[in-house]
C-alpha cells in the first residue's frame, strides 16, 4: 500500500515537473501572445468583479477586507459584511430578481440565499452579521457565513 502511494506521488511529481518545464519553455520561446491573452482575461474578470463589489456596497454590505494576488493568474480576495437585519431572505430573493443580468452578482446573492435556506434546516438561531467572502480566480469561489467565524476561511 505504501509503495503504491509512493509511486502515485512520484508520478504526480513528474507530471508537475513536466508541466512546469512546458510553461518555462513557452515563456522562453517568447509566446507572449498566450500570456497576454491570459492577462487580458484575468483583468477583465477582475474588472467585472470590482463592479459586483461596488454593487454589493450599494445594497448595504461593507468591504472589510480586500486583497489582490499577483501571479500567472491574478486573484482577488474580498470579504464583505452586512447586517443580517438589512438582508432578510425576502430581500435577497428580490435582489436576485432585480439583478439577473449580472451572473457574478447573482451567484453571490444565490449563495447567500442557499446559506440562509440550508442553515434554517438545522437551526432557528438568528445572526446579527452576514459575512461574504469571495475569492476571484479563473474559477471564482464564494463563501457566506452567518455570524462571526472563529476560524479564518
Protein backbone atom coordinates (compact mmCIF):
# COMPACT_ATOMS: atom_id res chain seq x y z
CA UNK A 1 0.00 0.00 0.00
CA UNK A 2 2.77 2.44 0.94
CA UNK A 3 4.66 1.53 -2.23
CA UNK A 4 1.60 2.31 -4.37
CA UNK A 5 1.19 5.65 -2.59
CA UNK A 6 4.87 6.49 -3.18
CA UNK A 7 4.53 5.54 -6.84
CA UNK A 8 1.45 7.73 -7.24
CA UNK A 9 3.20 10.66 -5.57
CA UNK A 10 6.25 10.19 -7.82
CA UNK A 11 4.04 10.14 -10.92
CA UNK A 12 2.24 13.29 -9.81
CA UNK A 13 5.59 14.93 -9.12
CA UNK A 14 6.87 14.03 -12.59
CA UNK A 15 3.72 15.43 -14.22
CA UNK A 16 4.12 18.69 -12.29
CA UNK A 17 7.79 18.95 -13.28
CA UNK A 18 6.86 18.36 -16.93
CA UNK A 19 4.11 20.98 -16.86
CA UNK A 20 6.40 23.49 -15.16
CA UNK A 21 9.07 22.85 -17.79
CA UNK A 22 6.50 23.34 -20.56
CA UNK A 23 5.42 26.67 -19.08
CA UNK A 24 9.07 27.73 -18.79
CA UNK A 25 9.75 26.70 -22.40
CA UNK A 26 6.71 28.63 -23.63
CA UNK A 27 7.92 31.74 -21.82
CA UNK A 28 11.46 31.34 -23.17
CA UNK A 29 10.13 30.94 -26.71
CA UNK A 30 8.51 34.32 -26.39
CA UNK A 31 4.92 33.18 -26.60
CA UNK A 32 3.79 36.42 -25.08
CA UNK A 33 0.52 36.27 -27.02
CA UNK A 34 -0.62 33.36 -24.82
CA UNK A 35 0.36 35.14 -21.61
CA UNK A 36 -1.08 38.43 -22.90
CA UNK A 37 -4.40 36.72 -23.63
CA UNK A 38 -4.40 35.17 -20.15
CA UNK A 39 -3.60 38.54 -18.58
CA UNK A 40 -6.42 40.19 -20.54
CA UNK A 41 -8.89 37.51 -19.49
CA UNK A 42 -7.81 37.78 -15.86
CA UNK A 43 -8.00 41.59 -15.93
CA UNK A 44 -11.50 41.51 -17.44
CA UNK A 45 -12.59 39.01 -14.80
CA UNK A 46 -11.22 41.22 -12.03
CA UNK A 47 -12.82 44.35 -13.52
CA UNK A 48 -16.19 42.59 -13.71
CA UNK A 49 -15.95 41.54 -10.07
CA UNK A 50 -14.98 45.05 -8.98
CA UNK A 51 -18.35 46.17 -10.35
CA UNK A 52 -20.05 43.42 -8.33
CA UNK A 53 -18.35 44.58 -5.13
CA UNK A 54 -19.42 48.19 -5.77
CA UNK A 55 -22.99 46.98 -6.29
CA UNK A 56 -22.92 44.94 -3.06
CA UNK A 57 -21.76 48.08 -1.23
CA UNK A 58 -24.74 49.95 -2.71
CA UNK A 59 -27.00 47.24 -1.25
CA UNK A 60 -25.53 47.81 2.22
CA UNK A 61 -22.56 45.47 2.51
CA UNK A 62 -19.27 46.92 3.72
CA UNK A 63 -15.94 45.66 2.42
CA UNK A 64 -13.94 44.60 5.47
CA UNK A 65 -11.01 43.02 3.68
CA UNK A 66 -9.58 43.35 0.18
CA UNK A 67 -6.62 41.51 -1.27
CA UNK A 68 -5.04 41.21 -4.69
CA UNK A 69 -2.85 38.26 -5.59
CA UNK A 70 -0.46 38.68 -8.47
CA UNK A 71 0.71 35.51 -10.22
CA UNK A 72 0.40 33.84 -13.59
CA UNK A 73 -3.32 34.09 -12.92
CA UNK A 74 -4.12 37.10 -10.68
CA UNK A 75 -6.78 36.78 -8.00
CA UNK A 76 -8.91 38.93 -5.72
CA UNK A 77 -9.94 38.02 -2.20
CA UNK A 78 -12.68 40.21 -0.77
CA UNK A 79 -14.66 39.91 2.44
CA UNK A 80 -17.86 41.88 2.91
CA UNK A 81 -20.00 42.32 6.00
CA UNK A 82 -23.64 43.26 6.26
CA UNK A 83 -26.26 43.47 8.93
CA UNK A 84 -28.49 40.39 8.83
CA UNK A 85 -31.45 42.69 9.56
CA UNK A 86 -30.69 44.54 6.32
CA UNK A 87 -30.57 41.29 4.36
CA UNK A 88 -33.52 39.08 5.25
CA UNK A 89 -34.23 36.16 2.90
CA UNK A 90 -37.06 38.02 1.15
CA UNK A 91 -34.78 40.95 0.29
CA UNK A 92 -32.13 38.59 -1.05
CA UNK A 93 -34.76 36.97 -3.30
CA UNK A 94 -35.80 40.41 -4.56
CA UNK A 95 -32.20 41.39 -5.27
CA UNK A 96 -31.71 38.17 -7.25
CA UNK A 97 -34.73 39.02 -9.41
CA UNK A 98 -33.61 42.64 -9.89
CA UNK A 99 -30.03 41.71 -10.88
CA UNK A 100 -30.44 38.77 -13.25
CA UNK A 101 -28.27 40.47 -15.88
CA UNK A 102 -25.12 40.00 -13.80
CA UNK A 103 -24.13 36.35 -13.45
CA UNK A 104 -21.43 37.14 -10.90
CA UNK A 105 -23.69 39.26 -8.68
CA UNK A 106 -26.48 36.71 -8.97
CA UNK A 107 -24.01 33.97 -7.93
CA UNK A 108 -23.18 35.86 -4.74
CA UNK A 109 -26.83 36.55 -3.95
CA UNK A 110 -27.87 32.94 -4.66
CA UNK A 111 -25.08 31.68 -2.40
CA UNK A 112 -26.38 33.92 0.40
CA UNK A 113 -29.91 32.62 -0.23
CA UNK A 114 -28.73 28.99 -0.19
CA UNK A 115 -26.80 29.60 3.03
CA UNK A 116 -29.92 31.02 4.71
CA UNK A 117 -32.11 28.17 3.48
CA UNK A 118 -29.61 25.46 4.40
CA UNK A 119 -28.99 26.95 7.83
CA UNK A 120 -32.72 27.13 8.56
CA UNK A 121 -32.89 23.33 8.13
CA UNK A 122 -30.58 22.77 11.07
CA UNK A 123 -31.18 25.74 13.37
CA UNK A 124 -33.57 28.56 14.17
CA UNK A 125 -30.70 30.66 15.56
CA UNK A 126 -30.60 34.22 14.21
CA UNK A 127 -27.36 36.07 13.50
CA UNK A 128 -26.56 39.76 13.52
CA UNK A 129 -23.92 39.60 10.79
CA UNK A 130 -23.70 38.19 7.29
CA UNK A 131 -20.13 37.73 6.05
CA UNK A 132 -19.47 37.12 2.38
CA UNK A 133 -16.05 36.04 1.22
CA UNK A 134 -15.30 35.93 -2.50
CA UNK A 135 -12.13 34.53 -3.97
CA UNK A 136 -11.92 35.52 -7.64
CA UNK A 137 -9.68 33.40 -9.80
CA UNK A 138 -10.31 31.95 -13.21
CA UNK A 139 -12.82 29.86 -11.27
CA UNK A 140 -14.41 32.04 -8.55
CA UNK A 141 -15.17 30.74 -5.06
CA UNK A 142 -17.88 32.25 -2.88
CA UNK A 143 -18.41 31.59 0.82
CA UNK A 144 -21.15 33.02 3.02
CA UNK A 145 -21.14 32.93 6.82
CA UNK A 146 -23.85 33.84 9.26
CA UNK A 147 -22.28 35.25 12.42
CA UNK A 148 -18.63 35.77 13.18
CA UNK A 149 -16.33 32.85 12.40
CA UNK A 150 -13.85 31.58 14.95
CA UNK A 151 -11.54 30.26 12.22
CA UNK A 152 -10.41 32.01 9.07
CA UNK A 153 -11.83 30.72 5.80
